Amino acid sequence: MKRIFFLILFLVSILGLIVCKEKKPIPELEGFVVKNVIHPSNNPFNQEKVELGKTLYFDSRLSFNQDVSCASCHNTASPSEGFPRTKIHNPAPSLTNVALYKDVFKDPEARELEDLVKDKVHSKLLFQNETKLIQRISSIQGYKELFEKAYGDPEISGERIVLALSTFQRTIVSKNSSFDKFVMGEETALTPAQIRGWDVFQNKAKCIQCHQGPNFSDSELHTTGLAGIKDKVRTPTLRDVTKKKTFMHNGIFGSIEDTVNHFAEGGHSKAVHDPMLRPAELSDQDKKDLIEFLKALEGEPIQLEIPSIPKA
């Protein structure tokens, strides 16, 4: 009987050690983990402002013809699968983790998210005339109530529209991926193939030259190696990249495999020579492992339910 008692006690002790084993983050990789998004002091966070911004984001009345909303192009449920290309020249970039870019997209003048949002609100697809936009939104009683909750009074202005949209967009964050969990000490979060892919990402493929930091983007402008295109493009985030249906800024590739092959071959542009775009000697297994690693950057699903839009 005593033997059984001590055996049970021993097993319980071992189980306790396993359960209580402290997860130890990998210090040199913690800079790759998405943590808290910082909201600027001139546009502080509050949940009511998020709800207002989300409502405006899905409301097509922000466009001149009342047929295009922000969500029409920037479909967060399906990155880069927005409005048909007859309406826009290139697929709209994903807004996932837009708050983590040092600069915003391809516009060197847009240092803050608010700058970009203001520019887009006044673009051809949306409402170029701010006065008429404010008149339209002000005529909707439901918006007066939403603005009062967000700002303390019902005043509706172009600036407040921009601030609310920006606050909402900063909440579209992909985090808690398998890679994040691995870095924070969950040793089994990555598969052997993904660990090999991480090595390929850093060394053989040298993806890390441009894709680094918590957003897996250096936020800089680089050539893409696409034939006939000289323009430089902001390094996109690789978080949730394997969820996309089209790839590159112009949607030219329909699979992650084609995209990996393009960069492994050093691009195909004869007009632009970039020392960072060099062929990489990757085996078929290297490419498979690299893609498996990219899958490890998929964060928790971003659930964005379409809000109730105030009636006119």
C-alpha atoms as a PDB file:
ATOM      1  CA  MET A   1       0.000   0.000   0.000  1.00  0.00           C
ATOM      2  CA  LYS A   2       2.842   2.366   0.893  1.00  0.00           C
ATOM      3  CA  ARG A   3       4.509   1.602  -2.434  1.00  0.00           C
ATOM      4  CA  ILE A   4       1.368   2.558  -4.309  1.00  0.00           C
ATOM      5  CA  PHE A   5       1.056   5.758  -2.266  1.00  0.00           C
ATOM      6  CA  PHE A   6       4.651   6.815  -2.984  1.00  0.00           C
ATOM      7  CA  LEU A   7       4.275   5.892  -6.665  1.00  0.00           C
ATOM      8  CA  ILE A   8       1.196   8.105  -6.954  1.00  0.00           C
ATOM      9  CA  LEU A   9       2.989  10.891  -5.083  1.00  0.00           C
ATOM     10  CA  PHE A  10       5.963  10.584  -7.452  1.00  0.00           C
ATOM     11  CA  LEU A  11       3.754  10.724 -10.553  1.00  0.00           C
ATOM     12  CA  VAL A  12       1.864  13.759  -9.223  1.00  0.00           C
ATOM     13  CA  SER A  13       5.176  15.516  -8.541  1.00  0.00           C
ATOM     14  CA  ILE A  14       6.424  14.815 -12.067  1.00  0.00           C
ATOM     15  CA  LEU A  15       3.129  16.046 -13.522  1.00  0.00           C
ATOM     16  CA  GLY A  16       3.414  19.201 -11.433  1.00  0.00           C
ATOM     17  CA  LEU A  17       6.893  19.863 -12.774  1.00  0.00           C
ATOM     18  CA  ILE A  18       5.660  19.485 -16.347  1.00  0.00           C
ATOM     19  CA  VAL A  19       2.636  21.739 -15.828  1.00  0.00           C
ATOM     20  CA  CYS A  20       4.576  24.366 -13.912  1.00  0.00           C
ATOM     21  CA  LYS A  21       7.524  24.482 -16.306  1.00  0.00           C
ATOM     22  CA  GLU A  22       8.024  28.153 -17.000  1.00  0.00           C
ATOM     23  CA  LYS A  23       8.004  29.243 -20.626  1.00  0.00           C
ATOM     24  CA  LYS A  24      11.180  31.119 -21.412  1.00  0.00           C
ATOM     25  CA  PRO A  25      11.046  33.602 -24.314  1.00  0.00           C
ATOM     26  CA  ILE A  26      13.897  33.670 -26.812  1.00  0.00           C
ATOM     27  CA  PRO A  27      15.397  37.128 -26.062  1.00  0.00           C
ATOM     28  CA  GLU A  28      17.032  37.685 -29.455  1.00  0.00           C
ATOM     29  CA  LEU A  29      13.716  37.044 -31.246  1.00  0.00           C
ATOM     30  CA  GLU A  30      11.299  38.963 -29.004  1.00  0.00           C
ATOM     31  CA  GLY A  31      11.542  41.926 -31.393  1.00  0.00           C
ATOM     32  CA  PHE A  32       9.578  39.849 -33.918  1.00  0.00           C
ATOM     33  CA  VAL A  33       6.556  39.420 -31.657  1.00  0.00           C
ATOM     34  CA  VAL A  34       3.457  41.607 -32.041  1.00  0.00           C
ATOM     35  CA  LYS A  35       2.660  43.184 -28.695  1.00  0.00           C
ATOM     36  CA  ASN A  36       0.543  46.233 -27.903  1.00  0.00           C
ATOM     37  CA  VAL A  37      -0.291  48.690 -30.678  1.00  0.00           C
ATOM     38  CA  ILE A  38       0.460  52.267 -29.669  1.00  0.00           C
ATOM     39  CA  HIS A  39      -2.206  54.887 -30.331  1.00  0.00           C
ATOM     40  CA  PRO A  40      -0.793  58.421 -30.829  1.00  0.00           C
ATOM     41  CA  SER A  41      -1.365  61.094 -28.205  1.00  0.00           C
ATOM     42  CA  ASN A  42      -3.239  63.262 -30.714  1.00  0.00           C
ATOM     43  CA  ASN A  43      -5.702  60.422 -31.349  1.00  0.00           C
ATOM     44  CA  PRO A  44      -6.111  58.485 -28.083  1.00  0.00           C
ATOM     45  CA  PHE A  45      -7.960  55.184 -27.999  1.00  0.00           C
ATOM     46  CA  ASN A  46     -11.483  54.683 -26.774  1.00  0.00           C
ATOM     47  CA  GLN A  47     -13.841  51.848 -27.700  1.00  0.00           C
ATOM     48  CA  GLU A  48     -16.632  54.201 -28.775  1.00  0.00           C
ATOM     49  CA  LYS A  49     -14.293  55.769 -31.338  1.00  0.00           C
ATOM     50  CA  VAL A  50     -13.429  52.287 -32.615  1.00  0.00           C
ATOM     51  CA  GLU A  51     -17.129  51.502 -33.103  1.00  0.00           C
ATOM     52  CA  LEU A  52     -17.680  54.802 -34.917  1.00  0.00           C
ATOM     53  CA  GLY A  53     -14.671  54.196 -37.149  1.00  0.00           C
ATOM     54  CA  LYS A  54     -15.827  50.663 -37.916  1.00  0.00           C
ATOM     55  CA  THR A  55     -19.273  51.927 -38.901  1.00  0.00           C
ATOM     56  CA  LEU A  56     -17.784  54.579 -41.183  1.00  0.00           C
ATOM     57  CA  TYR A  57     -15.420  51.960 -42.653  1.00  0.00           C
ATOM     58  CA  PHE A  58     -18.351  49.839 -43.846  1.00  0.00           C
ATOM     59  CA  ASP A  59     -20.598  52.732 -44.920  1.00  0.00           C
ATOM     60  CA  SER A  60     -20.677  53.326 -48.691  1.00  0.00           C
ATOM     61  CA  ARG A  61     -22.106  56.802 -48.129  1.00  0.00           C
ATOM     62  CA  LEU A  62     -18.545  58.017 -47.619  1.00  0.00           C
ATOM     63  CA  SER A  63     -18.139  57.731 -51.398  1.00  0.00           C
ATOM     64  CA  PHE A  64     -19.468  60.307 -53.832  1.00  0.00           C
ATOM     65  CA  ASN A  65     -21.749  57.844 -55.631  1.00  0.00           C
ATOM     66  CA  GLN A  66     -22.575  55.979 -52.415  1.00  0.00           C
ATOM     67  CA  ASP A  67     -21.387  52.690 -53.954  1.00  0.00           C
ATOM     68  CA  VAL A  68     -17.914  52.191 -52.439  1.00  0.00           C
ATOM     69  CA  SER A  69     -16.906  51.828 -48.800  1.00  0.00           C
ATOM     70  CA  CYS A  70     -13.430  51.390 -47.348  1.00  0.00           C
ATOM     71  CA  ALA A  71     -14.302  47.712 -46.881  1.00  0.00           C
ATOM     72  CA  SER A  72     -15.147  47.383 -50.588  1.00  0.00           C
ATOM     73  CA  CYS A  73     -11.427  47.557 -51.381  1.00  0.00           C
ATOM     74  CA  HIS A  74      -9.751  46.721 -48.077  1.00  0.00           C
ATOM     75  CA  ASN A  75     -11.574  43.483 -47.352  1.00  0.00           C
ATOM     76  CA  THR A  76      -9.920  42.353 -44.136  1.00  0.00           C
ATOM     77  CA  ALA A  77     -11.620  38.972 -44.272  1.00  0.00           C
ATOM     78  CA  SER A  78      -9.846  38.206 -47.549  1.00  0.00           C
ATOM     79  CA  PRO A  79      -6.650  40.262 -47.973  1.00  0.00           C
ATOM     80  CA  SER A  80      -6.237  41.959 -51.348  1.00  0.00           C
ATOM     81  CA  GLU A  81      -9.596  40.629 -52.501  1.00  0.00           C
ATOM     82  CA  GLY A  82     -11.517  43.848 -52.662  1.00  0.00           C
ATOM     83  CA  PHE A  83     -13.131  45.884 -55.411  1.00  0.00           C
ATOM     84  CA  PRO A  84     -12.821  44.646 -59.021  1.00  0.00           C
ATOM     85  CA  ARG A  85      -9.726  45.872 -60.859  1.00  0.00           C
ATOM     86  CA  THR A  86     -11.952  47.747 -63.290  1.00  0.00           C
ATOM     87  CA  LYS A  87     -12.453  50.188 -60.420  1.00  0.00           C
ATOM     88  CA  ILE A  88      -8.901  50.304 -59.096  1.00  0.00           C
ATOM     89  CA  HIS A  89      -5.652  49.792 -60.984  1.00  0.00           C
ATOM     90  CA  ASN A  90      -4.079  47.482 -58.404  1.00  0.00           C
ATOM     91  CA  PRO A  91      -5.499  45.343 -55.603  1.00  0.00           C
ATOM     92  CA  ALA A  92      -5.872  47.404 -52.451  1.00  0.00           C
ATOM     93  CA  PRO A  93      -3.245  46.537 -49.841  1.00  0.00           C
ATOM     94  CA  SER A  94      -4.330  44.720 -46.729  1.00  0.00           C
ATOM     95  CA  LEU A  95      -4.845  46.889 -43.653  1.00  0.00           C
ATOM     96  CA  THR A  96      -3.809  44.062 -41.344  1.00  0.00           C
ATOM     97  CA  ASN A  97      -1.187  45.443 -38.930  1.00  0.00           C
ATOM     98  CA  VAL A  98      -1.176  48.808 -40.701  1.00  0.00           C
ATOM     99  CA  ALA A  99      -0.471  50.379 -37.298  1.00  0.00           C
ATOM    100  CA  LEU A 100       2.915  48.633 -37.193  1.00  0.00           C
ATOM    101  CA  TYR A 101       4.355  50.267 -40.304  1.00  0.00           C
ATOM    102  CA  LYS A 102       6.928  52.980 -39.608  1.00  0.00           C
ATOM    103  CA  ASP A 103       5.623  54.840 -42.658  1.00  0.00           C
ATOM    104  CA  VAL A 104       2.342  54.134 -44.367  1.00  0.00           C
ATOM    105  CA  PHE A 105       2.277  52.096 -47.560  1.00  0.00           C
ATOM    106  CA  LYS A 106       3.934  53.643 -50.615  1.00  0.00           C
ATOM    107  CA  ASP A 107       3.332  57.315 -49.796  1.00  0.00           C
ATOM    108  CA  PRO A 108       6.499  58.930 -48.389  1.00  0.00           C
ATOM    109  CA  GLU A 109       4.436  61.955 -47.341  1.00  0.00           C
ATOM    110  CA  ALA A 110       2.090  59.865 -45.196  1.00  0.00           C
ATOM    111  CA  ARG A 111       4.099  59.472 -42.009  1.00  0.00           C
ATOM    112  CA  GLU A 112       1.072  58.725 -39.863  1.00  0.00           C
ATOM    113  CA  LEU A 113      -1.976  56.590 -40.520  1.00  0.00           C
ATOM    114  CA  GLU A 114      -4.171  59.665 -40.154  1.00  0.00           C
ATOM    115  CA  ASP A 115      -2.376  61.286 -43.116  1.00  0.00           C
ATOM    116  CA  LEU A 116      -3.161  58.326 -45.356  1.00  0.00           C
ATOM    117  CA  VAL A 117      -6.775  58.069 -44.234  1.00  0.00           C
ATOM    118  CA  LYS A 118      -7.318  61.772 -44.879  1.00  0.00           C
ATOM    119  CA  ASP A 119      -5.836  61.410 -48.358  1.00  0.00           C
ATOM    120  CA  LYS A 120      -8.053  58.423 -49.176  1.00  0.00           C
ATOM    121  CA  VAL A 121     -11.213  60.063 -47.865  1.00  0.00           C
ATOM    122  CA  HIS A 122     -10.584  62.839 -50.386  1.00  0.00           C
ATOM    123  CA  SER A 123      -9.626  60.492 -53.232  1.00  0.00           C
ATOM    124  CA  LYS A 124     -11.543  59.941 -56.470  1.00  0.00           C
ATOM    125  CA  LEU A 125     -13.136  56.749 -55.177  1.00  0.00           C
ATOM    126  CA  LEU A 126     -14.415  58.397 -52.015  1.00  0.00           C
ATOM    127  CA  PHE A 127     -15.622  61.900 -51.247  1.00  0.00           C
ATOM    128  CA  GLN A 128     -13.460  64.653 -52.694  1.00  0.00           C
ATOM    129  CA  ASN A 129     -15.630  67.444 -51.263  1.00  0.00           C
ATOM    130  CA  GLU A 130     -15.322  67.416 -47.465  1.00  0.00           C
ATOM    131  CA  THR A 131     -18.104  69.976 -46.931  1.00  0.00           C
ATOM    132  CA  LYS A 132     -20.648  67.845 -48.787  1.00  0.00           C
ATOM    133  CA  LEU A 133     -19.466  64.721 -46.988  1.00  0.00           C
ATOM    134  CA  ILE A 134     -20.009  66.354 -43.596  1.00  0.00           C
ATOM    135  CA  GLN A 135     -23.446  67.566 -44.689  1.00  0.00           C
ATOM    136  CA  ARG A 136     -24.398  64.048 -45.750  1.00  0.00           C
ATOM    137  CA  ILE A 137     -23.191  62.380 -42.540  1.00  0.00           C
ATOM    138  CA  SER A 138     -24.659  65.155 -40.352  1.00  0.00           C
ATOM    139  CA  SER A 139     -28.104  64.532 -41.838  1.00  0.00           C
ATOM    140  CA  ILE A 140     -28.106  61.028 -40.338  1.00  0.00           C
ATOM    141  CA  GLN A 141     -29.347  61.058 -36.730  1.00  0.00           C
ATOM    142  CA  GLY A 142     -27.651  57.776 -35.867  1.00  0.00           C
ATOM    143  CA  TYR A 143     -24.248  59.267 -36.625  1.00  0.00           C
ATOM    144  CA  LYS A 144     -24.829  62.216 -34.309  1.00  0.00           C
ATOM    145  CA  GLU A 145     -25.302  59.724 -31.481  1.00  0.00           C
ATOM    146  CA  LEU A 146     -22.169  57.758 -32.438  1.00  0.00           C
ATOM    147  CA  PHE A 147     -20.043  60.915 -32.638  1.00  0.00           C
ATOM    148  CA  GLU A 148     -21.302  62.076 -29.230  1.00  0.00           C
ATOM    149  CA  LYS A 149     -20.354  58.720 -27.667  1.00  0.00           C
ATOM    150  CA  ALA A 150     -16.905  58.850 -29.256  1.00  0.00           C
ATOM    151  CA  TYR A 151     -16.048  62.511 -28.668  1.00  0.00           C
ATOM    152  CA  GLY A 152     -18.373  63.765 -25.945  1.00  0.00           C
ATOM    153  CA  ASP A 153     -20.463  65.952 -28.255  1.00  0.00           C
ATOM    154  CA  PRO A 154     -22.311  65.379 -31.559  1.00  0.00           C
ATOM    155  CA  GLU A 155     -20.142  67.641 -33.727  1.00  0.00           C
ATOM    156  CA  ILE A 156     -19.274  65.969 -37.036  1.00  0.00           C
ATOM    157  CA  SER A 157     -16.132  67.120 -38.833  1.00  0.00           C
ATOM    158  CA  GLY A 158     -13.726  65.822 -41.431  1.00  0.00           C
ATOM    159  CA  GLU A 159     -11.001  65.576 -38.800  1.00  0.00           C
ATOM    160  CA  ARG A 160     -13.166  63.482 -36.494  1.00  0.00           C
ATOM    161  CA  ILE A 161     -14.065  61.137 -39.357  1.00  0.00           C
ATOM    162  CA  VAL A 162     -10.357  60.635 -40.083  1.00  0.00           C
ATOM    163  CA  LEU A 163      -9.498  60.094 -36.402  1.00  0.00           C
ATOM    164  CA  ALA A 164     -12.247  57.499 -35.952  1.00  0.00           C
ATOM    165  CA  LEU A 165     -11.316  55.584 -39.110  1.00  0.00           C
ATOM    166  CA  SER A 166      -7.655  55.573 -38.045  1.00  0.00           C
ATOM    167  CA  THR A 167      -8.468  54.368 -34.530  1.00  0.00           C
ATOM    168  CA  PHE A 168     -10.514  51.494 -35.906  1.00  0.00           C
ATOM    169  CA  GLN A 169      -7.839  50.491 -38.428  1.00  0.00           C
ATOM    170  CA  ARG A 170      -5.256  50.294 -35.643  1.00  0.00           C
ATOM    171  CA  THR A 171      -7.320  47.504 -34.098  1.00  0.00           C
ATOM    172  CA  ILE A 172      -6.965  45.276 -37.186  1.00  0.00           C
ATOM    173  CA  VAL A 173      -4.023  43.306 -35.846  1.00  0.00           C
ATOM    174  CA  SER A 174      -2.748  39.816 -36.617  1.00  0.00           C
ATOM    175  CA  LYS A 175      -1.017  38.354 -33.566  1.00  0.00           C
ATOM    176  CA  ASN A 176      -0.544  35.229 -31.440  1.00  0.00           C
ATOM    177  CA  SER A 177       0.731  33.240 -34.413  1.00  0.00           C
ATOM    178  CA  SER A 178       2.536  29.921 -33.989  1.00  0.00           C
ATOM    179  CA  PHE A 179       5.806  31.800 -34.474  1.00  0.00           C
ATOM    180  CA  ASP A 180       4.906  34.293 -31.728  1.00  0.00           C
ATOM    181  CA  LYS A 181       4.108  31.432 -29.362  1.00  0.00           C
ATOM    182  CA  PHE A 182       7.397  29.724 -30.213  1.00  0.00           C
ATOM    183  CA  VAL A 183       9.387  32.893 -29.527  1.00  0.00           C
ATOM    184  CA  MET A 184       7.592  33.358 -26.207  1.00  0.00           C
ATOM    185  CA  GLY A 185       8.661  29.908 -25.035  1.00  0.00           C
ATOM    186  CA  GLU A 186       6.163  27.406 -26.422  1.00  0.00           C
ATOM    187  CA  GLU A 187       8.729  24.981 -27.798  1.00  0.00           C
ATOM    188  CA  THR A 188       6.262  22.781 -29.688  1.00  0.00           C
ATOM    189  CA  ALA A 189       4.473  25.663 -31.444  1.00  0.00           C
ATOM    190  CA  LEU A 190       6.518  25.193 -34.642  1.00  0.00           C
ATOM    191  CA  THR A 191       6.806  21.994 -36.633  1.00  0.00           C
ATOM    192  CA  PRO A 192      10.239  20.689 -37.705  1.00  0.00           C
ATOM    193  CA  ALA A 193       9.500  21.903 -41.264  1.00  0.00           C
ATOM    194  CA  GLN A 194       8.665  25.399 -39.969  1.00  0.00           C
ATOM    195  CA  ILE A 195      11.874  25.546 -37.945  1.00  0.00           C
ATOM    196  CA  ARG A 196      13.832  24.581 -41.063  1.00  0.00           C
ATOM    197  CA  GLY A 197      11.867  27.209 -42.985  1.00  0.00           C
ATOM    198  CA  TRP A 198      12.827  29.873 -40.442  1.00  0.00           C
ATOM    199  CA  ASP A 199      16.464  28.995 -41.098  1.00  0.00           C
ATOM    200  CA  VAL A 200      15.917  29.276 -44.875  1.00  0.00           C
ATOM    201  CA  PHE A 201      14.109  32.593 -44.339  1.00  0.00           C
ATOM    202  CA  GLN A 202      17.113  34.046 -42.517  1.00  0.00           C
ATOM    203  CA  ASN A 203      20.022  32.517 -44.385  1.00  0.00           C
ATOM    204  CA  LYS A 204      19.614  30.920 -47.808  1.00  0.00           C
ATOM    205  CA  ALA A 205      16.697  33.060 -49.016  1.00  0.00           C
ATOM    206  CA  LYS A 206      17.711  36.163 -47.021  1.00  0.00           C
ATOM    207  CA  CYS A 207      14.065  37.242 -46.777  1.00  0.00           C
ATOM    208  CA  ILE A 208      14.986  38.838 -43.469  1.00  0.00           C
ATOM    209  CA  GLN A 209      16.846  41.628 -45.299  1.00  0.00           C
ATOM    210  CA  CYS A 210      13.485  43.336 -45.876  1.00  0.00           C
ATOM    211  CA  HIS A 211      11.007  41.309 -43.823  1.00  0.00           C
ATOM    212  CA  GLN A 212      11.947  41.931 -40.202  1.00  0.00           C
ATOM    213  CA  GLY A 213      10.532  43.182 -36.907  1.00  0.00           C
ATOM    214  CA  PRO A 214       7.081  42.446 -35.447  1.00  0.00           C
ATOM    215  CA  ASN A 215       5.389  43.246 -38.757  1.00  0.00           C
ATOM    216  CA  PHE A 216       7.928  41.293 -40.813  1.00  0.00           C
ATOM    217  CA  SER A 217       8.483  44.491 -42.804  1.00  0.00           C
ATOM    218  CA  ASP A 218      11.218  47.111 -42.648  1.00  0.00           C
ATOM    219  CA  SER A 219       8.648  49.674 -43.896  1.00  0.00           C
ATOM    220  CA  GLU A 220      11.104  50.745 -46.596  1.00  0.00           C
ATOM    221  CA  LEU A 221      10.679  51.089 -50.370  1.00  0.00           C
ATOM    222  CA  HIS A 222      12.266  48.349 -52.491  1.00  0.00           C
ATOM    223  CA  THR A 223      12.180  47.136 -56.081  1.00  0.00           C
ATOM    224  CA  THR A 224      10.061  44.039 -56.638  1.00  0.00           C
ATOM    225  CA  GLY A 225      11.938  42.452 -59.529  1.00  0.00           C
ATOM    226  CA  LEU A 226       8.795  42.418 -61.661  1.00  0.00           C
ATOM    227  CA  ALA A 227       9.430  42.830 -65.382  1.00  0.00           C
ATOM    228  CA  GLY A 228       8.622  46.298 -66.697  1.00  0.00           C
ATOM    229  CA  ILE A 229       8.119  47.853 -63.255  1.00  0.00           C
ATOM    230  CA  LYS A 230      10.715  50.331 -62.013  1.00  0.00           C
ATOM    231  CA  ASP A 231       8.722  51.743 -59.107  1.00  0.00           C
ATOM    232  CA  LYS A 232       9.727  50.828 -55.594  1.00  0.00           C
ATOM    233  CA  VAL A 233       7.095  49.439 -53.258  1.00  0.00           C
ATOM    234  CA  ARG A 234       6.768  49.444 -49.490  1.00  0.00           C
ATOM    235  CA  THR A 235       7.762  46.080 -48.029  1.00  0.00           C
ATOM    236  CA  PRO A 236       4.456  44.400 -47.126  1.00  0.00           C
ATOM    237  CA  THR A 237       3.879  42.501 -43.920  1.00  0.00           C
ATOM    238  CA  LEU A 238       4.205  38.734 -44.144  1.00  0.00           C
ATOM    239  CA  ARG A 239       1.757  38.149 -41.328  1.00  0.00           C
ATOM    240  CA  ASP A 240      -1.275  36.294 -42.716  1.00  0.00           C
ATOM    241  CA  VAL A 241       0.386  36.301 -46.155  1.00  0.00           C
ATOM    242  CA  THR A 242      -0.565  32.664 -46.770  1.00  0.00           C
ATOM    243  CA  LYS A 243      -4.246  33.601 -46.382  1.00  0.00           C
ATOM    244  CA  LYS A 244      -4.102  35.846 -49.434  1.00  0.00           C
ATOM    245  CA  LYS A 245      -5.458  34.961 -52.864  1.00  0.00           C
ATOM    246  CA  THR A 246      -3.262  37.306 -54.904  1.00  0.00           C
ATOM    247  CA  PHE A 247       0.324  38.393 -54.317  1.00  0.00           C
ATOM    248  CA  MET A 248       2.579  41.388 -55.053  1.00  0.00           C
ATOM    249  CA  HIS A 249       1.310  44.970 -55.174  1.00  0.00           C
ATOM    250  CA  ASN A 250      -0.346  44.386 -58.562  1.00  0.00           C
ATOM    251  CA  GLY A 251      -1.778  40.947 -57.823  1.00  0.00           C
ATOM    252  CA  ILE A 252       0.250  39.320 -60.588  1.00  0.00           C
ATOM    253  CA  PHE A 253       0.794  36.008 -58.787  1.00  0.00           C
ATOM    254  CA  GLY A 254      -2.021  33.705 -57.787  1.00  0.00           C
ATOM    255  CA  SER A 255      -0.120  31.514 -55.350  1.00  0.00           C
ATOM    256  CA  ILE A 256       2.485  31.769 -52.620  1.00  0.00           C
ATOM    257  CA  GLU A 257       4.532  29.166 -54.521  1.00  0.00           C
ATOM    258  CA  ASP A 258       4.804  31.427 -57.588  1.00  0.00           C
ATOM    259  CA  THR A 259       5.815  34.331 -55.368  1.00  0.00           C
ATOM    260  CA  VAL A 260       8.538  32.331 -53.618  1.00  0.00           C
ATOM    261  CA  ASN A 261       9.848  31.141 -56.996  1.00  0.00           C
ATOM    262  CA  HIS A 262       9.956  34.722 -58.281  1.00  0.00           C
ATOM    263  CA  PHE A 263      12.192  35.906 -55.461  1.00  0.00           C
ATOM    264  CA  ALA A 264      14.241  32.709 -55.401  1.00  0.00           C
ATOM    265  CA  GLU A 265      15.098  33.411 -59.038  1.00  0.00           C
ATOM    266  CA  GLY A 266      16.163  36.959 -58.188  1.00  0.00           C
ATOM    267  CA  GLY A 267      13.224  38.593 -59.943  1.00  0.00           C
ATOM    268  CA  HIS A 268      12.783  39.097 -63.672  1.00  0.00           C
ATOM    269  CA  SER A 269      13.381  42.798 -64.206  1.00  0.00           C
ATOM    270  CA  LYS A 270      16.021  43.745 -66.772  1.00  0.00           C
ATOM    271  CA  ALA A 271      15.479  47.459 -66.223  1.00  0.00           C
ATOM    272  CA  VAL A 272      16.331  47.522 -62.508  1.00  0.00           C
ATOM    273  CA  HIS A 273      19.334  45.905 -60.863  1.00  0.00           C
ATOM    274  CA  ASP A 274      19.038  45.637 -57.102  1.00  0.00           C
ATOM    275  CA  PRO A 275      21.854  43.953 -55.148  1.00  0.00           C
ATOM    276  CA  MET A 276      19.256  42.698 -52.660  1.00  0.00           C
ATOM    277  CA  LEU A 277      17.480  40.782 -55.430  1.00  0.00           C
ATOM    278  CA  ARG A 278      19.827  37.944 -56.202  1.00  0.00           C
ATOM    279  CA  PRO A 279      19.033  34.336 -57.092  1.00  0.00           C
ATOM    280  CA  ALA A 280      18.963  32.054 -54.065  1.00  0.00           C
ATOM    281  CA  GLU A 281      20.002  28.438 -54.344  1.00  0.00           C
ATOM    282  CA  LEU A 282      16.905  26.888 -52.850  1.00  0.00           C
ATOM    283  CA  SER A 283      16.004  23.238 -53.250  1.00  0.00           C
ATOM    284  CA  ASP A 284      12.386  22.177 -53.653  1.00  0.00           C
ATOM    285  CA  GLN A 285      12.467  21.106 -50.000  1.00  0.00           C
ATOM    286  CA  ASP A 286      13.823  24.524 -48.965  1.00  0.00           C
ATOM    287  CA  LYS A 287      10.893  26.205 -50.716  1.00  0.00           C
ATOM    288  CA  LYS A 288       8.370  23.889 -49.088  1.00  0.00           C
ATOM    289  CA  ASP A 289       9.903  24.522 -45.669  1.00  0.00           C
ATOM    290  CA  LEU A 290       9.922  28.273 -46.289  1.00  0.00           C
ATOM    291  CA  ILE A 291       6.223  28.238 -47.145  1.00  0.00           C
ATOM    292  CA  GLU A 292       5.528  26.167 -44.036  1.00  0.00           C
ATOM    293  CA  PHE A 293       7.297  28.839 -41.990  1.00  0.00           C
ATOM    294  CA  LEU A 294       5.160  31.555 -43.606  1.00  0.00           C
ATOM    295  CA  LYS A 295       2.091  29.603 -42.510  1.00  0.00           C
ATOM    296  CA  ALA A 296       3.433  29.908 -38.957  1.00  0.00           C
ATOM    297  CA  LEU A 297       2.898  33.686 -39.287  1.00  0.00           C
ATOM    298  CA  GLU A 298      -0.870  33.271 -39.513  1.00  0.00           C
ATOM    299  CA  GLY A 299      -2.377  34.979 -36.492  1.00  0.00           C
ATOM    300  CA  GLU A 300      -5.650  34.400 -34.730  1.00  0.00           C
ATOM    301  CA  PRO A 301      -8.607  34.948 -37.106  1.00  0.00           C
ATOM    302  CA  ILE A 302      -9.621  38.602 -37.353  1.00  0.00           C
ATOM    303  CA  GLN A 303     -13.371  38.628 -36.860  1.00  0.00           C
ATOM    304  CA  LEU A 304     -14.966  41.781 -38.231  1.00  0.00           C
ATOM    305  CA  GLU A 305     -18.724  41.634 -38.229  1.00  0.00           C
ATOM    306  CA  ILE A 306     -20.409  44.256 -40.379  1.00  0.00           C
ATOM    307  CA  PRO A 307     -21.946  46.751 -37.944  1.00  0.00           C
ATOM    308  CA  SER A 308     -25.441  48.146 -38.069  1.00  0.00           C
ATOM    309  CA  ILE A 309     -25.229  51.144 -40.411  1.00  0.00           C
ATOM    310  CA  PRO A 310     -27.348  54.151 -39.318  1.00  0.00           C
ATOM    311  CA  LYS A 311     -30.303  54.761 -41.608  1.00  0.00           C
ATOM    312  CA  ALA A 312     -30.757  58.109 -43.324  1.00  0.00           C
END
